[in-house]
């Protein structure tokens, strides 16, 4: 990496990427102290770049060997060896906060699942995937946020919040995933509501689909409730960002319902003004 790349500029590169690709995540990051928000940007940038290996442009040419190379690069970052601004920011972050490499490695394993699997027979299978690609983020978040008083169940609660957000993504993006030949909804759930893959690919919205969506959304809310139980254990300056992130992401479920369950063709999102009001609501909850 060029010697003239400054740490400030490396973090700025991560900030710009975060702001471009995840407005909700970025809005929540701004509620942290300067040091912690920089760490959040570095983590997001690494997670985004990891995801792009299997979901971005040229992903069809990616093979397991590319993920092996990515894991070796991760190990180099933890050892302080970097060759670009993104890696420089993450290397600085893992030195300044109590990170363990395993959640990062688990996320890479989640990407391997995406390479070899586009259907999930059971929710147990899907939960493993959700832990790897998103529950791990909950653990990374905890390393940055810190705890006022860590409890034995705090790790489980952090993972639950990450899983809830990934389940929300799956429900929001079900149409987009279907167009790529992917079905993340557990097939056992489709059978439970007599809804077929053919119905899904045909974008059928009827009473079966609505019942299926309500079932999946309630399950997702259960994970949000479990995740919420861990927020009071976080360091005081992390509670507002955590609540804000949870509330804004959970609101996407309400938007799916408001859109008439047309998540095949209508992407559910929370408008800026509503996000601002939710931020204020989160602040009141913390107080």
C-alpha atoms as a PDB file:
ATOM      1  CA  UNK A   1       0.000   0.000   0.000  1.00  0.00           C
ATOM      2  CA  UNK A   2       1.321   3.490  -0.794  1.00  0.00           C
ATOM      3  CA  UNK A   3       3.041   5.021   2.238  1.00  0.00           C
ATOM      4  CA  UNK A   4       1.186   8.307   1.783  1.00  0.00           C
ATOM      5  CA  UNK A   5      -2.244   6.780   2.509  1.00  0.00           C
ATOM      6  CA  UNK A   6      -3.350   8.363   5.765  1.00  0.00           C
ATOM      7  CA  UNK A   7      -5.490   6.640   8.372  1.00  0.00           C
ATOM      8  CA  UNK A   8      -8.030   9.475   8.269  1.00  0.00           C
ATOM      9  CA  UNK A   9      -8.448   9.010   4.531  1.00  0.00           C
ATOM     10  CA  UNK A  10      -8.815   5.251   4.960  1.00  0.00           C
ATOM     11  CA  UNK A  11     -11.689   5.737   7.392  1.00  0.00           C
ATOM     12  CA  UNK A  12     -13.234   8.334   5.083  1.00  0.00           C
ATOM     13  CA  UNK A  13     -13.240   5.757   2.286  1.00  0.00           C
ATOM     14  CA  UNK A  14     -15.165   3.402   4.578  1.00  0.00           C
ATOM     15  CA  UNK A  15     -17.562   6.180   5.576  1.00  0.00           C
ATOM     16  CA  UNK A  16     -18.417   6.991   1.966  1.00  0.00           C
ATOM     17  CA  UNK A  17     -19.077   3.342   1.156  1.00  0.00           C
ATOM     18  CA  UNK A  18     -21.318   2.957   4.217  1.00  0.00           C
ATOM     19  CA  UNK A  19     -23.279   6.110   3.415  1.00  0.00           C
ATOM     20  CA  UNK A  20     -23.818   4.982  -0.176  1.00  0.00           C
ATOM     21  CA  UNK A  21     -24.962   1.419   0.393  1.00  0.00           C
ATOM     22  CA  UNK A  22     -26.738   1.408   3.770  1.00  0.00           C
ATOM     23  CA  UNK A  23     -28.452   4.639   4.711  1.00  0.00           C
ATOM     24  CA  UNK A  24     -30.115   3.101   7.770  1.00  0.00           C
ATOM     25  CA  UNK A  25     -26.859   1.634   9.054  1.00  0.00           C
ATOM     26  CA  UNK A  26     -25.055   4.897   8.362  1.00  0.00           C
ATOM     27  CA  UNK A  27     -27.675   6.971  10.186  1.00  0.00           C
ATOM     28  CA  UNK A  28     -27.269   4.759  13.245  1.00  0.00           C
ATOM     29  CA  UNK A  29     -23.481   5.016  13.119  1.00  0.00           C
ATOM     30  CA  UNK A  30     -23.622   8.809  13.452  1.00  0.00           C
ATOM     31  CA  UNK A  31     -25.027   8.436  16.963  1.00  0.00           C
ATOM     32  CA  UNK A  32     -21.726   6.957  18.211  1.00  0.00           C
ATOM     33  CA  UNK A  33     -18.664   8.802  19.413  1.00  0.00           C
ATOM     34  CA  UNK A  34     -16.142   9.662  16.676  1.00  0.00           C
ATOM     35  CA  UNK A  35     -13.860   6.719  17.480  1.00  0.00           C
ATOM     36  CA  UNK A  36     -16.683   4.185  17.570  1.00  0.00           C
ATOM     37  CA  UNK A  37     -18.394   5.457  14.423  1.00  0.00           C
ATOM     38  CA  UNK A  38     -15.135   5.096  12.489  1.00  0.00           C
ATOM     39  CA  UNK A  39     -14.893   1.509  13.689  1.00  0.00           C
ATOM     40  CA  UNK A  40     -18.492   0.863  12.588  1.00  0.00           C
ATOM     41  CA  UNK A  41     -17.677   2.191   9.100  1.00  0.00           C
ATOM     42  CA  UNK A  42     -14.592  -0.037   8.857  1.00  0.00           C
ATOM     43  CA  UNK A  43     -16.616  -3.095   9.865  1.00  0.00           C
ATOM     44  CA  UNK A  44     -19.415  -2.290   7.440  1.00  0.00           C
ATOM     45  CA  UNK A  45     -16.957  -1.781   4.595  1.00  0.00           C
ATOM     46  CA  UNK A  46     -15.358  -5.167   5.219  1.00  0.00           C
ATOM     47  CA  UNK A  47     -18.743  -6.904   5.473  1.00  0.00           C
ATOM     48  CA  UNK A  48     -19.958  -5.198   2.296  1.00  0.00           C
ATOM     49  CA  UNK A  49     -16.865  -6.154   0.352  1.00  0.00           C
ATOM     50  CA  UNK A  50     -17.165  -9.727   1.630  1.00  0.00           C
ATOM     51  CA  UNK A  51     -20.788  -9.907   0.493  1.00  0.00           C
ATOM     52  CA  UNK A  52     -19.895  -8.472  -2.916  1.00  0.00           C
ATOM     53  CA  UNK A  53     -17.661 -11.477  -3.553  1.00  0.00           C
ATOM     54  CA  UNK A  54     -20.742 -13.675  -3.983  1.00  0.00           C
ATOM     55  CA  UNK A  55     -23.477 -11.128  -4.775  1.00  0.00           C
ATOM     56  CA  UNK A  56     -21.745  -8.334  -6.670  1.00  0.00           C
ATOM     57  CA  UNK A  57     -20.703  -7.817 -10.266  1.00  0.00           C
ATOM     58  CA  UNK A  58     -18.683 -10.746 -11.528  1.00  0.00           C
ATOM     59  CA  UNK A  59     -19.818 -12.940  -8.629  1.00  0.00           C
ATOM     60  CA  UNK A  60     -20.677 -15.758 -11.035  1.00  0.00           C
ATOM     61  CA  UNK A  61     -16.934 -16.226 -11.622  1.00  0.00           C
ATOM     62  CA  UNK A  62     -16.133 -16.481  -7.907  1.00  0.00           C
ATOM     63  CA  UNK A  63     -15.170 -19.919  -6.632  1.00  0.00           C
ATOM     64  CA  UNK A  64     -14.329 -21.235  -3.155  1.00  0.00           C
ATOM     65  CA  UNK A  65     -10.670 -20.479  -3.817  1.00  0.00           C
ATOM     66  CA  UNK A  66     -11.448 -16.753  -3.898  1.00  0.00           C
ATOM     67  CA  UNK A  67     -12.966 -17.016  -0.418  1.00  0.00           C
ATOM     68  CA  UNK A  68      -9.901 -18.912   0.786  1.00  0.00           C
ATOM     69  CA  UNK A  69      -7.803 -15.997  -0.468  1.00  0.00           C
ATOM     70  CA  UNK A  70     -10.155 -13.565   1.285  1.00  0.00           C
ATOM     71  CA  UNK A  71      -9.721 -15.406   4.575  1.00  0.00           C
ATOM     72  CA  UNK A  72      -5.947 -15.281   4.209  1.00  0.00           C
ATOM     73  CA  UNK A  73      -6.302 -11.551   3.643  1.00  0.00           C
ATOM     74  CA  UNK A  74      -8.392 -11.310   6.813  1.00  0.00           C
ATOM     75  CA  UNK A  75      -5.681 -13.088   8.775  1.00  0.00           C
ATOM     76  CA  UNK A  76      -3.162 -10.596   7.382  1.00  0.00           C
ATOM     77  CA  UNK A  77      -5.338  -7.674   8.522  1.00  0.00           C
ATOM     78  CA  UNK A  78      -5.430  -9.057  12.070  1.00  0.00           C
ATOM     79  CA  UNK A  79      -1.639  -9.342  11.855  1.00  0.00           C
ATOM     80  CA  UNK A  80      -1.372  -5.698  10.749  1.00  0.00           C
ATOM     81  CA  UNK A  81      -0.389  -6.391   7.123  1.00  0.00           C
ATOM     82  CA  UNK A  82      -2.503  -4.317   4.712  1.00  0.00           C
ATOM     83  CA  UNK A  83      -2.416  -3.202   1.075  1.00  0.00           C
ATOM     84  CA  UNK A  84      -5.385  -0.830   0.637  1.00  0.00           C
ATOM     85  CA  UNK A  85      -7.268   1.859   2.599  1.00  0.00           C
ATOM     86  CA  UNK A  86     -10.188  -0.433   3.531  1.00  0.00           C
ATOM     87  CA  UNK A  87      -7.828  -2.966   5.103  1.00  0.00           C
ATOM     88  CA  UNK A  88      -5.856  -0.212   6.828  1.00  0.00           C
ATOM     89  CA  UNK A  89      -9.004   1.088   8.542  1.00  0.00           C
ATOM     90  CA  UNK A  90     -10.037  -2.390   9.677  1.00  0.00           C
ATOM     91  CA  UNK A  91      -6.534  -3.227  10.909  1.00  0.00           C
ATOM     92  CA  UNK A  92      -6.560  -0.080  13.030  1.00  0.00           C
ATOM     93  CA  UNK A  93     -10.056  -0.917  14.301  1.00  0.00           C
ATOM     94  CA  UNK A  94      -9.194  -4.450  15.421  1.00  0.00           C
ATOM     95  CA  UNK A  95      -6.183  -3.069  17.290  1.00  0.00           C
ATOM     96  CA  UNK A  96      -8.280  -0.497  19.154  1.00  0.00           C
ATOM     97  CA  UNK A  97     -11.231  -2.714  20.125  1.00  0.00           C
ATOM     98  CA  UNK A  98     -11.467  -6.248  21.593  1.00  0.00           C
ATOM     99  CA  UNK A  99     -12.257  -8.092  18.356  1.00  0.00           C
ATOM    100  CA  UNK A 100     -11.897 -11.824  17.857  1.00  0.00           C
ATOM    101  CA  UNK A 101     -11.306 -13.105  14.319  1.00  0.00           C
ATOM    102  CA  UNK A 102     -13.863 -15.935  14.531  1.00  0.00           C
ATOM    103  CA  UNK A 103     -16.997 -13.877  13.717  1.00  0.00           C
ATOM    104  CA  UNK A 104     -15.229 -12.579  10.606  1.00  0.00           C
ATOM    105  CA  UNK A 105     -14.288 -16.114   9.615  1.00  0.00           C
ATOM    106  CA  UNK A 106     -17.847 -17.277  10.254  1.00  0.00           C
ATOM    107  CA  UNK A 107     -19.132 -14.591   7.890  1.00  0.00           C
ATOM    108  CA  UNK A 108     -16.819 -15.853   5.163  1.00  0.00           C
ATOM    109  CA  UNK A 109     -18.265 -19.322   5.773  1.00  0.00           C
ATOM    110  CA  UNK A 110     -21.710 -17.800   5.217  1.00  0.00           C
ATOM    111  CA  UNK A 111     -20.505 -16.615   1.821  1.00  0.00           C
ATOM    112  CA  UNK A 112     -19.402 -20.177   1.076  1.00  0.00           C
ATOM    113  CA  UNK A 113     -22.960 -21.274   1.822  1.00  0.00           C
ATOM    114  CA  UNK A 114     -24.201 -18.804  -0.788  1.00  0.00           C
ATOM    115  CA  UNK A 115     -21.888 -20.359  -3.372  1.00  0.00           C
ATOM    116  CA  UNK A 116     -23.127 -23.900  -2.849  1.00  0.00           C
ATOM    117  CA  UNK A 117     -26.727 -23.456  -1.700  1.00  0.00           C
ATOM    118  CA  UNK A 118     -29.773 -21.512  -2.964  1.00  0.00           C
ATOM    119  CA  UNK A 119     -32.497 -23.322  -1.020  1.00  0.00           C
ATOM    120  CA  UNK A 120     -33.042 -23.967   2.708  1.00  0.00           C
ATOM    121  CA  UNK A 121     -35.194 -26.893   3.699  1.00  0.00           C
ATOM    122  CA  UNK A 122     -35.701 -25.923   7.347  1.00  0.00           C
ATOM    123  CA  UNK A 123     -35.527 -22.823   9.500  1.00  0.00           C
ATOM    124  CA  UNK A 124     -32.688 -24.435  11.419  1.00  0.00           C
ATOM    125  CA  UNK A 125     -30.629 -24.437   8.206  1.00  0.00           C
ATOM    126  CA  UNK A 126     -31.599 -20.841   7.493  1.00  0.00           C
ATOM    127  CA  UNK A 127     -30.741 -19.786  11.036  1.00  0.00           C
ATOM    128  CA  UNK A 128     -27.208 -21.127  10.591  1.00  0.00           C
ATOM    129  CA  UNK A 129     -26.886 -19.009   7.454  1.00  0.00           C
ATOM    130  CA  UNK A 130     -28.342 -15.935   9.167  1.00  0.00           C
ATOM    131  CA  UNK A 131     -25.939 -16.303  12.075  1.00  0.00           C
ATOM    132  CA  UNK A 132     -22.972 -16.463   9.736  1.00  0.00           C
ATOM    133  CA  UNK A 133     -23.854 -13.498   7.539  1.00  0.00           C
ATOM    134  CA  UNK A 134     -25.539 -11.259  10.139  1.00  0.00           C
ATOM    135  CA  UNK A 135     -25.465 -12.646  13.677  1.00  0.00           C
ATOM    136  CA  UNK A 136     -21.711 -12.222  13.394  1.00  0.00           C
ATOM    137  CA  UNK A 137     -22.272  -8.511  12.824  1.00  0.00           C
ATOM    138  CA  UNK A 138     -24.045  -8.372  16.179  1.00  0.00           C
ATOM    139  CA  UNK A 139     -20.912  -9.767  17.815  1.00  0.00           C
ATOM    140  CA  UNK A 140     -18.718  -7.270  15.950  1.00  0.00           C
ATOM    141  CA  UNK A 141     -21.033  -4.471  17.076  1.00  0.00           C
ATOM    142  CA  UNK A 142     -20.610  -5.544  20.699  1.00  0.00           C
ATOM    143  CA  UNK A 143     -16.827  -5.352  20.385  1.00  0.00           C
ATOM    144  CA  UNK A 144     -17.194  -1.701  19.378  1.00  0.00           C
ATOM    145  CA  UNK A 145     -20.020  -0.708  21.701  1.00  0.00           C
ATOM    146  CA  UNK A 146     -18.644  -2.288  24.847  1.00  0.00           C
ATOM    147  CA  UNK A 147     -20.665  -3.228  27.915  1.00  0.00           C
ATOM    148  CA  UNK A 148     -21.591  -1.582  31.139  1.00  0.00           C
ATOM    149  CA  UNK A 149     -22.200  -5.026  32.591  1.00  0.00           C
ATOM    150  CA  UNK A 150     -21.938  -8.062  30.338  1.00  0.00           C
ATOM    151  CA  UNK A 151     -24.326 -10.904  31.134  1.00  0.00           C
ATOM    152  CA  UNK A 152     -24.010 -14.605  30.195  1.00  0.00           C
ATOM    153  CA  UNK A 153     -26.841 -14.244  27.643  1.00  0.00           C
ATOM    154  CA  UNK A 154     -25.515 -11.045  26.044  1.00  0.00           C
ATOM    155  CA  UNK A 155     -23.785 -12.887  23.193  1.00  0.00           C
ATOM    156  CA  UNK A 156     -26.993 -14.757  22.329  1.00  0.00           C
ATOM    157  CA  UNK A 157     -28.965 -11.491  22.361  1.00  0.00           C
ATOM    158  CA  UNK A 158     -26.459  -9.744  20.084  1.00  0.00           C
ATOM    159  CA  UNK A 159     -26.635 -12.621  17.630  1.00  0.00           C
ATOM    160  CA  UNK A 160     -30.457 -12.537  17.759  1.00  0.00           C
ATOM    161  CA  UNK A 161     -30.520  -8.891  16.703  1.00  0.00           C
ATOM    162  CA  UNK A 162     -28.278  -9.633  13.739  1.00  0.00           C
ATOM    163  CA  UNK A 163     -30.435 -12.623  12.765  1.00  0.00           C
ATOM    164  CA  UNK A 164     -33.570 -10.465  12.997  1.00  0.00           C
ATOM    165  CA  UNK A 165     -32.099  -7.948  10.572  1.00  0.00           C
ATOM    166  CA  UNK A 166     -31.101 -10.669   8.110  1.00  0.00           C
ATOM    167  CA  UNK A 167     -34.568 -12.217   8.256  1.00  0.00           C
ATOM    168  CA  UNK A 168     -35.954  -8.749   7.563  1.00  0.00           C
ATOM    169  CA  UNK A 169     -33.670  -8.474   4.544  1.00  0.00           C
ATOM    170  CA  UNK A 170     -34.891 -11.838   3.285  1.00  0.00           C
ATOM    171  CA  UNK A 171     -38.545 -10.789   3.537  1.00  0.00           C
ATOM    172  CA  UNK A 172     -37.876  -7.389   1.969  1.00  0.00           C
ATOM    173  CA  UNK A 173     -35.821  -8.810  -0.904  1.00  0.00           C
ATOM    174  CA  UNK A 174     -37.787 -11.976  -1.638  1.00  0.00           C
ATOM    175  CA  UNK A 175     -38.657 -10.839  -5.170  1.00  0.00           C
ATOM    176  CA  UNK A 176     -35.117  -9.761  -6.014  1.00  0.00           C
ATOM    177  CA  UNK A 177     -33.736 -13.057  -4.705  1.00  0.00           C
ATOM    178  CA  UNK A 178     -36.306 -15.050  -6.692  1.00  0.00           C
ATOM    179  CA  UNK A 179     -35.222 -13.323  -9.889  1.00  0.00           C
ATOM    180  CA  UNK A 180     -31.711 -14.592  -9.158  1.00  0.00           C
ATOM    181  CA  UNK A 181     -33.008 -18.117  -8.614  1.00  0.00           C
ATOM    182  CA  UNK A 182     -32.668 -17.974  -4.841  1.00  0.00           C
ATOM    183  CA  UNK A 183     -35.297 -18.911  -2.257  1.00  0.00           C
ATOM    184  CA  UNK A 184     -34.297 -18.088   1.297  1.00  0.00           C
ATOM    185  CA  UNK A 185     -37.719 -18.762   2.825  1.00  0.00           C
ATOM    186  CA  UNK A 186     -37.560 -22.226   4.402  1.00  0.00           C
ATOM    187  CA  UNK A 187     -39.221 -24.747   2.095  1.00  0.00           C
ATOM    188  CA  UNK A 188     -40.860 -26.372   5.109  1.00  0.00           C
ATOM    189  CA  UNK A 189     -42.669 -23.067   5.696  1.00  0.00           C
ATOM    190  CA  UNK A 190     -43.872 -22.889   2.100  1.00  0.00           C
ATOM    191  CA  UNK A 191     -45.317 -26.385   2.467  1.00  0.00           C
ATOM    192  CA  UNK A 192     -46.963 -25.432   5.764  1.00  0.00           C
ATOM    193  CA  UNK A 193     -48.989 -22.757   3.959  1.00  0.00           C
ATOM    194  CA  UNK A 194     -49.502 -24.783   0.765  1.00  0.00           C
ATOM    195  CA  UNK A 195     -47.497 -22.218  -1.185  1.00  0.00           C
ATOM    196  CA  UNK A 196     -45.157 -23.538  -3.886  1.00  0.00           C
ATOM    197  CA  UNK A 197     -41.902 -22.385  -5.420  1.00  0.00           C
ATOM    198  CA  UNK A 198     -43.814 -21.990  -8.673  1.00  0.00           C
ATOM    199  CA  UNK A 199     -46.198 -19.592  -6.895  1.00  0.00           C
ATOM    200  CA  UNK A 200     -43.236 -17.644  -5.590  1.00  0.00           C
ATOM    201  CA  UNK A 201     -41.580 -17.318  -8.992  1.00  0.00           C
ATOM    202  CA  UNK A 202     -44.947 -16.241 -10.432  1.00  0.00           C
ATOM    203  CA  UNK A 203     -45.227 -13.526  -7.719  1.00  0.00           C
ATOM    204  CA  UNK A 204     -48.551 -14.867  -6.461  1.00  0.00           C
ATOM    205  CA  UNK A 205     -49.963 -12.731  -3.654  1.00  0.00           C
ATOM    206  CA  UNK A 206     -53.032 -14.353  -2.108  1.00  0.00           C
ATOM    207  CA  UNK A 207     -54.267 -15.440   1.304  1.00  0.00           C
ATOM    208  CA  UNK A 208     -51.605 -18.176   1.469  1.00  0.00           C
ATOM    209  CA  UNK A 209     -48.800 -15.692   0.817  1.00  0.00           C
ATOM    210  CA  UNK A 210     -50.184 -13.225   3.342  1.00  0.00           C
ATOM    211  CA  UNK A 211     -50.428 -15.940   6.002  1.00  0.00           C
ATOM    212  CA  UNK A 212     -46.863 -17.062   5.211  1.00  0.00           C
ATOM    213  CA  UNK A 213     -45.564 -13.497   5.446  1.00  0.00           C
ATOM    214  CA  UNK A 214     -47.316 -12.888   8.756  1.00  0.00           C
ATOM    215  CA  UNK A 215     -45.818 -16.113  10.103  1.00  0.00           C
ATOM    216  CA  UNK A 216     -42.311 -15.116   9.009  1.00  0.00           C
ATOM    217  CA  UNK A 217     -42.671 -11.555  10.272  1.00  0.00           C
ATOM    218  CA  UNK A 218     -43.802 -12.708  13.713  1.00  0.00           C
ATOM    219  CA  UNK A 219     -40.840 -15.055  13.936  1.00  0.00           C
ATOM    220  CA  UNK A 220     -38.587 -12.154  12.980  1.00  0.00           C
ATOM    221  CA  UNK A 221     -40.152  -9.936  15.646  1.00  0.00           C
ATOM    222  CA  UNK A 222     -39.397 -12.612  18.232  1.00  0.00           C
ATOM    223  CA  UNK A 223     -35.711 -12.271  17.376  1.00  0.00           C
ATOM    224  CA  UNK A 224     -35.988  -8.485  17.648  1.00  0.00           C
ATOM    225  CA  UNK A 225     -37.516  -8.896  21.102  1.00  0.00           C
ATOM    226  CA  UNK A 226     -34.677 -11.159  22.187  1.00  0.00           C
ATOM    227  CA  UNK A 227     -32.103  -8.757  20.754  1.00  0.00           C
ATOM    228  CA  UNK A 228     -33.723  -5.813  22.549  1.00  0.00           C
ATOM    229  CA  UNK A 229     -33.205  -7.520  25.895  1.00  0.00           C
ATOM    230  CA  UNK A 230     -29.444  -7.136  25.507  1.00  0.00           C
ATOM    231  CA  UNK A 231     -29.371  -3.399  24.825  1.00  0.00           C
ATOM    232  CA  UNK A 232     -29.466  -2.279  28.505  1.00  0.00           C
ATOM    233  CA  UNK A 233     -26.217  -4.205  29.077  1.00  0.00           C
ATOM    234  CA  UNK A 234     -24.363  -2.141  26.464  1.00  0.00           C
ATOM    235  CA  UNK A 235     -22.193   0.830  27.340  1.00  0.00           C
ATOM    236  CA  UNK A 236     -24.431   3.889  27.816  1.00  0.00           C
ATOM    237  CA  UNK A 237     -23.219   5.671  24.669  1.00  0.00           C
ATOM    238  CA  UNK A 238     -24.121   2.636  22.531  1.00  0.00           C
ATOM    239  CA  UNK A 239     -27.716   2.203  23.650  1.00  0.00           C
ATOM    240  CA  UNK A 240     -29.246   4.943  21.517  1.00  0.00           C
ATOM    241  CA  UNK A 241     -27.588   3.713  18.298  1.00  0.00           C
ATOM    242  CA  UNK A 242     -28.601   0.141  19.109  1.00  0.00           C
ATOM    243  CA  UNK A 243     -32.224   1.070  19.770  1.00  0.00           C
ATOM    244  CA  UNK A 244     -32.353   3.312  16.704  1.00  0.00           C
ATOM    245  CA  UNK A 245     -30.978   0.569  14.470  1.00  0.00           C
ATOM    246  CA  UNK A 246     -33.417  -1.990  15.859  1.00  0.00           C
ATOM    247  CA  UNK A 247     -36.477   0.254  15.585  1.00  0.00           C
ATOM    248  CA  UNK A 248     -35.704   1.491  12.067  1.00  0.00           C
ATOM    249  CA  UNK A 249     -34.971  -1.967  10.734  1.00  0.00           C
ATOM    250  CA  UNK A 250     -38.004  -3.507  12.422  1.00  0.00           C
ATOM    251  CA  UNK A 251     -40.219  -0.860  10.810  1.00  0.00           C
ATOM    252  CA  UNK A 252     -39.463  -2.451   7.418  1.00  0.00           C
ATOM    253  CA  UNK A 253     -41.766  -5.290   8.459  1.00  0.00           C
ATOM    254  CA  UNK A 254     -44.608  -2.785   8.881  1.00  0.00           C
ATOM    255  CA  UNK A 255     -43.839  -1.399   5.425  1.00  0.00           C
ATOM    256  CA  UNK A 256     -44.172  -4.851   3.878  1.00  0.00           C
ATOM    257  CA  UNK A 257     -47.684  -5.057   5.303  1.00  0.00           C
ATOM    258  CA  UNK A 258     -48.497  -1.504   4.224  1.00  0.00           C
ATOM    259  CA  UNK A 259     -47.401  -2.405   0.683  1.00  0.00           C
ATOM    260  CA  UNK A 260     -50.033  -5.133   0.607  1.00  0.00           C
ATOM    261  CA  UNK A 261     -47.367  -7.852   0.947  1.00  0.00           C
ATOM    262  CA  UNK A 262     -46.175  -6.977  -2.576  1.00  0.00           C
ATOM    263  CA  UNK A 263     -42.541  -7.535  -1.670  1.00  0.00           C
ATOM    264  CA  UNK A 264     -42.030  -9.139  -5.068  1.00  0.00           C
ATOM    265  CA  UNK A 265     -42.224  -5.820  -6.872  1.00  0.00           C
ATOM    266  CA  UNK A 266     -42.246  -3.120  -4.142  1.00  0.00           C
ATOM    267  CA  UNK A 267     -39.156  -2.686  -1.991  1.00  0.00           C
ATOM    268  CA  UNK A 268     -40.167  -1.830   1.563  1.00  0.00           C
ATOM    269  CA  UNK A 269     -38.226   1.090   3.008  1.00  0.00           C
ATOM    270  CA  UNK A 270     -38.517   3.713   5.731  1.00  0.00           C
ATOM    271  CA  UNK A 271     -38.638   7.338   4.450  1.00  0.00           C
ATOM    272  CA  UNK A 272     -36.155   9.882   5.811  1.00  0.00           C
ATOM    273  CA  UNK A 273     -38.677  11.858   7.861  1.00  0.00           C
ATOM    274  CA  UNK A 274     -39.973   8.701   9.479  1.00  0.00           C
ATOM    275  CA  UNK A 275     -36.413   7.618  10.254  1.00  0.00           C
ATOM    276  CA  UNK A 276     -35.841  10.946  11.997  1.00  0.00           C
ATOM    277  CA  UNK A 277     -38.945  10.470  14.118  1.00  0.00           C
ATOM    278  CA  UNK A 278     -37.870   6.933  14.958  1.00  0.00           C
ATOM    279  CA  UNK A 279     -34.481   8.271  16.039  1.00  0.00           C
ATOM    280  CA  UNK A 280     -36.217  10.609  18.453  1.00  0.00           C
ATOM    281  CA  UNK A 281     -38.369   7.754  19.719  1.00  0.00           C
ATOM    282  CA  UNK A 282     -35.268   5.662  20.315  1.00  0.00           C
ATOM    283  CA  UNK A 283     -33.730   8.512  22.293  1.00  0.00           C
ATOM    284  CA  UNK A 284     -36.767   8.723  24.529  1.00  0.00           C
ATOM    285  CA  UNK A 285     -36.663   4.961  25.087  1.00  0.00           C
ATOM    286  CA  UNK A 286     -33.032   5.148  26.232  1.00  0.00           C
ATOM    287  CA  UNK A 287     -33.845   7.907  28.711  1.00  0.00           C
END
